[in-house]
Amino acid sequence: GNGFPVTAMVAREDIKASFELISASTSYGGNPMACAAALASIEVIEEEGILDHVKQMETFFLWRMRKMQEEHPIIGHVRAKGCLLGIELVKDRTTKEPFDEAGKLVYIRAFKKGIAWIPAGHILRLSPPLIMDEEVAAKGMDIIDEAIGEVEKELGYA
């Protein structure tokens, strides 16, 4: 809804039939302004090919995070679905023991360099804008890469 609260309930017909009409209502259900904003957002996404761009960015992010994983012993796993990214920090790749302290320190270092996300313990959970171009994305990944390297040195992993 591009900032407007929008929800949708999607179900097979047999499941939908089991709900009483009133039990499936919500506070924001049917809000005309929110519905118009959601429709306009969907139209822009389709017309500007944003989903195709997101698929290209997912490929870039995965390539870059896997490269970082090869270089940094505290990166246990990386993942991406579109522009939802995860970098898992571990004390040991074999045991996969979560490394919350490293997650906090990497966040602080990256924040001081101009990158922010919502901290999630040992997972660097990133969600860059869908319209971000590769040049800006590369700069962000450089900052995260640098922050991880600094933290590894600080904690004796490099």
Protein backbone atom coordinates (compact mmCIF):
# COMPACT_ATOMS: atom_id res chain seq x y z
CA GLY A 1 0.00 0.00 0.00
CA ASN A 2 3.04 2.30 -0.25
CA GLY A 3 2.71 3.34 3.37
CA PHE A 4 -1.02 2.72 3.71
CA PRO A 5 -2.13 -0.31 5.76
CA VAL A 6 -3.34 -3.00 3.37
CA THR A 7 -4.13 -6.64 4.02
CA ALA A 8 -5.41 -9.48 1.92
CA MET A 9 -6.73 -12.89 2.83
CA VAL A 10 -6.14 -15.45 0.12
CA ALA A 11 -7.48 -18.99 0.45
CA ARG A 12 -8.96 -21.86 -1.49
CA GLU A 13 -12.73 -21.65 -1.89
CA ASP A 14 -13.39 -24.52 0.56
CA ILE A 15 -11.32 -22.84 3.27
CA LYS A 16 -12.88 -19.44 2.57
CA ALA A 17 -16.35 -20.96 2.95
CA SER A 18 -15.51 -22.05 6.50
CA PHE A 19 -15.10 -18.45 7.71
CA GLU A 20 -18.04 -16.48 8.95
CA LEU A 21 -18.18 -13.16 7.15
CA ILE A 22 -17.79 -11.08 10.31
CA SER A 23 -14.89 -13.15 11.72
CA ALA A 24 -12.70 -12.29 8.75
CA SER A 25 -13.14 -8.52 8.95
CA THR A 26 -10.37 -6.15 10.01
CA SER A 27 -9.99 -2.57 11.17
CA TYR A 28 -8.50 -1.53 7.82
CA GLY A 29 -10.55 -3.83 5.60
CA GLY A 30 -11.99 -2.11 2.55
CA ASN A 31 -10.40 1.29 3.15
CA PRO A 32 -10.82 2.96 -0.28
CA MET A 33 -7.72 5.16 0.01
CA ALA A 34 -5.51 2.24 1.04
CA CYS A 35 -6.93 0.10 -1.78
CA ALA A 36 -6.26 2.87 -4.32
CA ALA A 37 -2.70 3.29 -3.03
CA ALA A 38 -2.11 -0.47 -3.21
CA LEU A 39 -3.45 -0.65 -6.77
CA ALA A 40 -1.32 2.33 -7.85
CA SER A 41 1.75 0.70 -6.28
CA ILE A 42 1.09 -2.57 -8.12
CA GLU A 43 0.67 -0.68 -11.40
CA VAL A 44 4.02 1.10 -10.93
CA ILE A 45 5.74 -2.19 -10.06
CA GLU A 46 4.39 -3.77 -13.26
CA GLU A 47 4.89 -0.78 -15.60
CA GLU A 48 8.44 -0.04 -14.49
CA GLY A 49 9.60 -3.67 -14.45
CA ILE A 50 10.59 -3.47 -10.80
CA LEU A 51 10.25 -7.23 -10.21
CA ASP A 52 12.65 -7.98 -13.08
CA HIS A 53 15.10 -5.50 -11.56
CA VAL A 54 14.71 -7.15 -8.15
CA LYS A 55 15.56 -10.56 -9.66
CA GLN A 56 18.74 -9.07 -11.15
CA MET A 57 19.64 -7.49 -7.83
CA GLU A 58 19.06 -10.80 -6.02
CA THR A 59 21.64 -12.41 -8.32
CA PHE A 60 24.09 -9.57 -7.63
CA PHE A 61 23.56 -9.69 -3.86
CA LEU A 62 23.96 -13.48 -3.70
CA TRP A 63 27.16 -13.31 -5.75
CA ARG A 64 28.58 -10.57 -3.55
CA MET A 65 27.58 -12.19 -0.24
CA ARG A 66 29.02 -15.57 -1.32
CA LYS A 67 32.28 -13.82 -2.19
CA MET A 68 32.26 -12.24 1.28
CA GLN A 69 31.54 -15.64 2.82
CA GLU A 70 34.66 -17.07 1.16
CA GLU A 71 36.76 -14.28 2.66
CA HIS A 72 35.32 -14.06 6.18
CA PRO A 73 35.44 -17.03 8.58
CA ILE A 74 32.60 -15.67 10.73
CA ILE A 75 30.08 -15.75 7.86
CA GLY A 76 28.33 -19.09 8.21
CA HIS A 77 25.53 -18.73 5.67
CA VAL A 78 24.13 -16.16 3.24
CA ARG A 79 20.70 -16.02 1.63
CA ALA A 80 18.54 -13.77 -0.51
CA LYS A 81 14.99 -13.70 -1.77
CA GLY A 82 14.63 -10.67 -3.96
CA CYS A 83 15.93 -7.77 -1.89
CA LEU A 84 15.48 -9.54 1.45
CA LEU A 85 19.00 -10.53 2.45
CA GLY A 86 20.54 -12.45 5.33
CA ILE A 87 24.14 -12.84 6.41
CA GLU A 88 24.52 -15.27 9.31
CA LEU A 89 27.48 -14.66 11.62
CA VAL A 90 28.84 -17.68 13.49
CA LYS A 91 31.66 -18.37 15.94
CA ASP A 92 32.49 -21.58 14.10
CA ARG A 93 31.27 -22.73 10.69
CA THR A 94 31.22 -26.37 11.77
CA THR A 95 29.10 -25.93 14.89
CA LYS A 96 27.18 -22.94 13.45
CA GLU A 97 27.15 -21.38 16.93
CA PRO A 98 25.46 -17.97 16.60
CA PHE A 99 27.76 -14.97 17.04
CA ASP A 100 25.47 -12.28 18.48
CA GLU A 101 28.37 -10.13 19.69
CA ALA A 102 29.77 -9.93 16.16
CA GLY A 103 26.33 -9.04 14.81
CA LYS A 104 26.10 -6.11 17.22
CA LEU A 105 29.63 -4.90 16.47
CA VAL A 106 29.20 -5.19 12.69
CA TYR A 107 25.98 -3.20 12.94
CA ILE A 108 27.69 -0.42 14.93
CA ARG A 109 30.64 -0.25 12.50
CA ALA A 110 28.39 -0.24 9.43
CA PHE A 111 26.07 2.36 10.98
CA LYS A 112 29.01 4.71 11.55
CA LYS A 113 29.87 4.29 7.86
CA GLY A 114 26.33 5.11 6.71
CA ILE A 115 24.44 1.79 6.48
CA ALA A 116 21.57 0.88 8.82
CA TRP A 117 19.21 -2.06 9.27
CA ILE A 118 17.15 -3.48 12.11
CA PRO A 119 19.60 -5.53 14.22
CA ALA A 120 18.65 -9.20 14.61
CA GLY A 121 21.32 -10.80 16.78
CA HIS A 122 23.77 -12.83 14.72
CA ILE A 123 21.83 -12.34 11.49
CA LEU A 124 22.49 -9.27 9.39
CA ARG A 125 18.94 -8.97 8.08
CA LEU A 126 18.99 -6.45 5.24
CA SER A 127 16.19 -5.12 3.06
CA PRO A 128 17.52 -2.53 0.63
CA PRO A 129 15.11 -0.54 -1.54
CA LEU A 130 13.69 -2.46 -4.51
CA ILE A 131 14.80 0.31 -6.88
CA MET A 132 18.41 0.49 -5.66
CA ASP A 133 20.90 0.32 -8.52
CA GLU A 134 23.91 -1.99 -8.57
CA GLU A 135 26.43 0.80 -8.00
CA VAL A 136 24.76 1.89 -4.76
CA ALA A 137 24.26 -1.76 -3.73
CA ALA A 138 27.95 -2.46 -4.30
CA LYS A 139 28.90 0.51 -2.11
CA GLY A 140 26.63 -0.82 0.66
CA MET A 141 28.11 -4.30 0.38
CA ASP A 142 31.62 -2.76 0.50
CA ILE A 143 30.73 -1.07 3.79
CA ILE A 144 29.36 -4.30 5.28
CA ASP A 145 32.37 -6.28 4.02
CA GLU A 146 34.72 -3.73 5.59
CA ALA A 147 32.79 -3.72 8.88
CA ILE A 148 32.91 -7.53 9.09
CA GLY A 149 36.67 -7.47 8.44
CA GLU A 150 37.22 -4.90 11.18
CA VAL A 151 35.16 -6.90 13.67
CA GLU A 152 37.01 -10.11 12.80
CA LYS A 153 40.32 -8.39 13.55
CA GLU A 154 38.94 -6.94 16.79
CA LEU A 155 37.69 -10.36 17.95
CA GLY A 156 40.78 -12.30 16.81
CA TYR A 157 39.29 -14.10 13.78
CA ALA A 158 41.55 -12.55 11.13
